[in-house]
């Protein structure tokens, strides 16, 4: 099974938002260091960046996570 999430950073507002599947949302405040911490945590959870777009003071990443059970079924 593959899931997708969104990571958004508004650097002028120091606002970092992560939207997960199932309507879960996490909000963080910060700049570069805090964004790096959020990205590292997402990586530890199995999320990887698949797209990125930006404009003005805004960056949006699309994240993907493939569950191990899905990977195992693909190997067969």
C-alpha atoms as a PDB file:
ATOM      1  CA  UNK A   1       0.000   0.000   0.000  1.00  0.00           C
ATOM      2  CA  UNK A   2       1.264   3.466  -0.870  1.00  0.00           C
ATOM      3  CA  UNK A   3       0.280   6.609   1.029  1.00  0.00           C
ATOM      4  CA  UNK A   4       0.919  10.262   0.272  1.00  0.00           C
ATOM      5  CA  UNK A   5       1.337  13.293   2.522  1.00  0.00           C
ATOM      6  CA  UNK A   6       2.077  17.002   2.083  1.00  0.00           C
ATOM      7  CA  UNK A   7       4.752  19.132   3.777  1.00  0.00           C
ATOM      8  CA  UNK A   8       4.347  22.895   3.453  1.00  0.00           C
ATOM      9  CA  UNK A   9       6.715  25.636   4.635  1.00  0.00           C
ATOM     10  CA  UNK A  10       5.848  29.346   4.702  1.00  0.00           C
ATOM     11  CA  UNK A  11       9.192  30.783   5.682  1.00  0.00           C
ATOM     12  CA  UNK A  12       8.044  34.384   6.215  1.00  0.00           C
ATOM     13  CA  UNK A  13       5.530  33.088   8.783  1.00  0.00           C
ATOM     14  CA  UNK A  14       7.902  30.416  10.185  1.00  0.00           C
ATOM     15  CA  UNK A  15       5.022  28.000   9.614  1.00  0.00           C
ATOM     16  CA  UNK A  16       5.580  24.300   8.876  1.00  0.00           C
ATOM     17  CA  UNK A  17       2.582  22.038   8.238  1.00  0.00           C
ATOM     18  CA  UNK A  18       2.387  18.314   7.563  1.00  0.00           C
ATOM     19  CA  UNK A  19      -0.850  16.780   6.280  1.00  0.00           C
ATOM     20  CA  UNK A  20      -0.994  12.992   6.591  1.00  0.00           C
ATOM     21  CA  UNK A  21      -3.497  10.525   5.138  1.00  0.00           C
ATOM     22  CA  UNK A  22      -6.701  10.283   7.150  1.00  0.00           C
ATOM     23  CA  UNK A  23      -6.962  14.065   7.743  1.00  0.00           C
ATOM     24  CA  UNK A  24      -4.236  14.156  10.422  1.00  0.00           C
ATOM     25  CA  UNK A  25      -2.364  17.478  10.466  1.00  0.00           C
ATOM     26  CA  UNK A  26       0.678  18.551  12.473  1.00  0.00           C
ATOM     27  CA  UNK A  27       1.782  22.174  12.810  1.00  0.00           C
ATOM     28  CA  UNK A  28       5.273  23.394  13.711  1.00  0.00           C
ATOM     29  CA  UNK A  29       6.910  26.787  14.059  1.00  0.00           C
ATOM     30  CA  UNK A  30      10.419  27.448  12.850  1.00  0.00           C
ATOM     31  CA  UNK A  31      12.873  28.084  10.089  1.00  0.00           C
ATOM     32  CA  UNK A  32      15.682  26.063   8.494  1.00  0.00           C
ATOM     33  CA  UNK A  33      16.769  24.053  11.540  1.00  0.00           C
ATOM     34  CA  UNK A  34      13.221  23.109  12.507  1.00  0.00           C
ATOM     35  CA  UNK A  35      12.410  22.190   8.903  1.00  0.00           C
ATOM     36  CA  UNK A  36      15.447  19.891   8.819  1.00  0.00           C
ATOM     37  CA  UNK A  37      14.230  18.244  12.039  1.00  0.00           C
ATOM     38  CA  UNK A  38      10.749  17.704  10.548  1.00  0.00           C
ATOM     39  CA  UNK A  39      12.220  16.252   7.334  1.00  0.00           C
ATOM     40  CA  UNK A  40      14.475  13.913   9.324  1.00  0.00           C
ATOM     41  CA  UNK A  41      11.544  12.740  11.453  1.00  0.00           C
ATOM     42  CA  UNK A  42       9.452  12.097   8.341  1.00  0.00           C
ATOM     43  CA  UNK A  43      12.338  10.098   6.864  1.00  0.00           C
ATOM     44  CA  UNK A  44      12.558   7.984  10.029  1.00  0.00           C
ATOM     45  CA  UNK A  45       8.824   7.274   9.640  1.00  0.00           C
ATOM     46  CA  UNK A  46       9.446   5.999   6.112  1.00  0.00           C
ATOM     47  CA  UNK A  47       8.332   9.067   4.141  1.00  0.00           C
ATOM     48  CA  UNK A  48      10.339  10.203   1.108  1.00  0.00           C
ATOM     49  CA  UNK A  49      10.010  13.342  -1.013  1.00  0.00           C
ATOM     50  CA  UNK A  50       8.641  12.663  -4.494  1.00  0.00           C
ATOM     51  CA  UNK A  51       7.881  16.206  -5.725  1.00  0.00           C
ATOM     52  CA  UNK A  52       8.556  19.790  -4.716  1.00  0.00           C
ATOM     53  CA  UNK A  53       7.236  23.133  -5.888  1.00  0.00           C
ATOM     54  CA  UNK A  54       7.755  26.684  -4.660  1.00  0.00           C
ATOM     55  CA  UNK A  55       6.690  30.263  -5.138  1.00  0.00           C
ATOM     56  CA  UNK A  56       7.342  33.469  -3.242  1.00  0.00           C
ATOM     57  CA  UNK A  57       7.841  32.521   0.413  1.00  0.00           C
ATOM     58  CA  UNK A  58       6.295  29.063   0.066  1.00  0.00           C
ATOM     59  CA  UNK A  59       7.559  25.523  -0.585  1.00  0.00           C
ATOM     60  CA  UNK A  60       5.364  22.425  -0.892  1.00  0.00           C
ATOM     61  CA  UNK A  61       6.662  18.853  -0.898  1.00  0.00           C
ATOM     62  CA  UNK A  62       4.672  15.732  -1.753  1.00  0.00           C
ATOM     63  CA  UNK A  63       5.775  12.753   0.314  1.00  0.00           C
ATOM     64  CA  UNK A  64       5.255   9.044  -0.299  1.00  0.00           C
ATOM     65  CA  UNK A  65       5.429   6.040   1.997  1.00  0.00           C
ATOM     66  CA  UNK A  66       5.286   2.455   0.737  1.00  0.00           C
ATOM     67  CA  UNK A  67       4.373  -0.047   3.429  1.00  0.00           C
ATOM     68  CA  UNK A  68       6.606  -3.105   3.856  1.00  0.00           C
ATOM     69  CA  UNK A  69       3.698  -5.544   3.296  1.00  0.00           C
ATOM     70  CA  UNK A  70       3.134  -3.976  -0.117  1.00  0.00           C
ATOM     71  CA  UNK A  71       6.827  -4.282  -0.983  1.00  0.00           C
ATOM     72  CA  UNK A  72       6.854  -7.944   0.021  1.00  0.00           C
ATOM     73  CA  UNK A  73       3.865  -8.700  -2.208  1.00  0.00           C
ATOM     74  CA  UNK A  74       5.620  -7.006  -5.161  1.00  0.00           C
ATOM     75  CA  UNK A  75       8.599  -9.383  -4.765  1.00  0.00           C
ATOM     76  CA  UNK A  76       6.421 -12.441  -5.441  1.00  0.00           C
END
